Amino acid sequence: MKHVKLILYILVGLVVVAIVVQNHAAMSTAVKFRINTLFFGEKTTSLLSLYTIVFVTFILGVILTGLYGIVEQFRLKKRIRVLTKELREKENELNSLRNLPITSDDVGTMKTESVEKE
């Protein structure tokens, strides 16, 4: 399985390199971003290449996905702690029920005796 992952990573890397090489001229184009906010007026960025924009967008996506993964991991760890505590409590209860003393009266014979008396 480790080798299959490595081969897939290499293939994805080759596809990315092929796309970058084939689109070098288009991605080198410089653009300006303009935003018109209600409170701060119009803001314009300096010239940025599309490579920079794609890279920054990719990094932001990786960071946001990583943060989501970390939050999810903490939530699942908390859930595991709660379930482990609940399991321990139920095991203790089960063990205490298993260790109850056995009574000498048989429940089945008590029922039949009460039916015969009537």
Protein backbone atom coordinates (compact mmCIF):
# COMPACT_ATOMS: atom_id res chain seq x y z
CA MET A 1 0.00 0.00 0.00
CA LYS A 2 2.92 2.32 0.75
CA HIS A 3 4.24 1.89 -2.79
CA VAL A 4 0.82 2.57 -4.32
CA LYS A 5 0.58 5.88 -2.43
CA LEU A 6 4.05 6.85 -3.59
CA ILE A 7 3.17 6.08 -7.21
CA LEU A 8 -0.05 8.12 -6.93
CA TYR A 9 1.84 11.09 -5.44
CA ILE A 10 4.36 10.94 -8.28
CA LEU A 11 1.57 10.82 -10.88
CA VAL A 12 -0.23 13.79 -9.32
CA GLY A 13 3.05 15.72 -9.22
CA LEU A 14 3.69 14.98 -12.90
CA VAL A 15 0.20 16.19 -13.82
CA VAL A 16 0.76 19.42 -11.87
CA VAL A 17 4.12 20.00 -13.58
CA ALA A 18 2.57 19.37 -17.01
CA ILE A 19 -0.23 21.86 -16.32
CA VAL A 20 2.22 24.51 -15.09
CA VAL A 21 4.51 24.11 -18.10
CA GLN A 22 1.65 24.20 -20.61
CA ASN A 23 0.04 27.28 -19.02
CA HIS A 24 3.16 29.27 -18.13
CA ALA A 25 2.33 32.26 -20.36
CA ALA A 26 -1.23 32.58 -19.09
CA MET A 27 -0.25 32.14 -15.43
CA SER A 28 2.50 34.78 -15.71
CA THR A 29 -0.06 37.46 -16.51
CA ALA A 30 -0.13 40.24 -13.94
CA VAL A 31 -3.49 41.42 -12.64
CA LYS A 32 -4.81 43.91 -10.09
CA PHE A 33 -7.60 43.18 -7.67
CA ARG A 34 -10.07 45.91 -6.79
CA ILE A 35 -12.62 45.82 -4.00
CA ASN A 36 -15.20 48.46 -3.23
CA THR A 37 -16.26 48.24 0.40
CA LEU A 38 -19.10 50.14 1.94
CA PHE A 39 -17.10 51.61 4.85
CA PHE A 40 -13.51 51.85 3.55
CA GLY A 41 -14.06 52.88 -0.06
CA GLU A 42 -12.29 51.38 -3.03
CA LYS A 43 -9.07 49.43 -2.46
CA THR A 44 -6.75 48.17 -5.20
CA THR A 45 -3.83 45.74 -4.92
CA SER A 46 -0.55 46.07 -6.75
CA LEU A 47 0.13 43.90 -9.78
CA LEU A 48 0.12 40.22 -8.87
CA SER A 49 0.88 37.29 -11.13
CA LEU A 50 -1.68 34.54 -11.37
CA TYR A 51 0.96 32.13 -10.01
CA THR A 52 1.02 34.15 -6.79
CA ILE A 53 -2.76 34.22 -6.56
CA VAL A 54 -3.07 30.47 -7.14
CA PHE A 55 -0.31 29.74 -4.61
CA VAL A 56 -1.80 31.98 -1.90
CA THR A 57 -5.26 30.53 -2.50
CA PHE A 58 -3.87 27.00 -2.26
CA ILE A 59 -2.03 27.77 0.98
CA LEU A 60 -5.15 29.36 2.48
CA GLY A 61 -7.14 26.24 1.55
CA VAL A 62 -4.53 24.00 3.17
CA ILE A 63 -4.54 26.12 6.34
CA LEU A 64 -8.34 26.23 6.60
CA THR A 65 -8.63 22.50 5.97
CA GLY A 66 -5.92 21.84 8.56
CA LEU A 67 -7.73 23.98 11.13
CA TYR A 68 -10.96 22.15 10.44
CA GLY A 69 -9.13 18.84 10.85
CA ILE A 70 -7.64 19.94 14.17
CA VAL A 71 -11.03 21.05 15.49
CA GLU A 72 -12.58 17.76 14.36
CA GLN A 73 -9.76 15.82 16.02
CA PHE A 74 -10.33 17.58 19.36
CA ARG A 75 -14.08 16.96 19.09
CA LEU A 76 -13.53 13.27 18.43
CA LYS A 77 -11.01 12.96 21.30
CA LYS A 78 -13.56 14.50 23.65
CA ARG A 79 -16.19 12.05 22.39
CA ILE A 80 -13.78 9.14 22.94
CA ARG A 81 -13.14 10.29 26.53
CA VAL A 82 -16.87 10.51 27.25
CA LEU A 83 -17.56 7.09 25.74
CA THR A 84 -14.59 5.52 27.58
CA LYS A 85 -15.85 6.91 30.88
CA GLU A 86 -19.34 5.63 30.13
CA LEU A 87 -17.94 2.20 29.22
CA ARG A 88 -15.95 2.04 32.48
CA GLU A 89 -19.07 2.90 34.48
CA LYS A 90 -21.12 0.23 32.71
CA GLU A 91 -18.38 -2.36 33.19
CA ASN A 92 -18.23 -1.56 36.91
CA GLU A 93 -21.99 -1.88 37.15
CA LEU A 94 -21.92 -5.19 35.29
CA ASN A 95 -19.14 -6.53 37.52
CA SER A 96 -21.05 -5.49 40.63
CA LEU A 97 -24.13 -7.31 39.32
CA ARG A 98 -22.07 -10.39 38.56
CA ASN A 99 -20.68 -10.42 42.10
CA LEU A 100 -24.07 -10.34 43.84
CA PRO A 101 -24.52 -13.24 46.24
CA ILE A 102 -26.55 -16.17 44.98
CA THR A 103 -29.75 -16.70 46.97
CA SER A 104 -30.79 -20.13 48.06
CA ASP A 105 -34.39 -19.68 46.89
CA ASP A 106 -34.92 -20.72 43.32
CA VAL A 107 -37.11 -18.26 41.47
CA GLY A 108 -38.62 -21.00 39.32
CA THR A 109 -39.67 -23.14 42.29
CA MET A 110 -41.17 -20.18 44.10
CA LYS A 111 -43.49 -19.53 41.18
CA THR A 112 -44.68 -23.09 40.92
CA GLU A 113 -45.30 -23.31 44.68
CA SER A 114 -47.48 -20.22 44.64
CA VAL A 115 -49.48 -21.58 41.70
CA GLU A 116 -50.03 -24.95 43.42
CA LYS A 117 -51.35 -23.32 46.61
CA GLU A 118 -54.10 -21.53 44.74
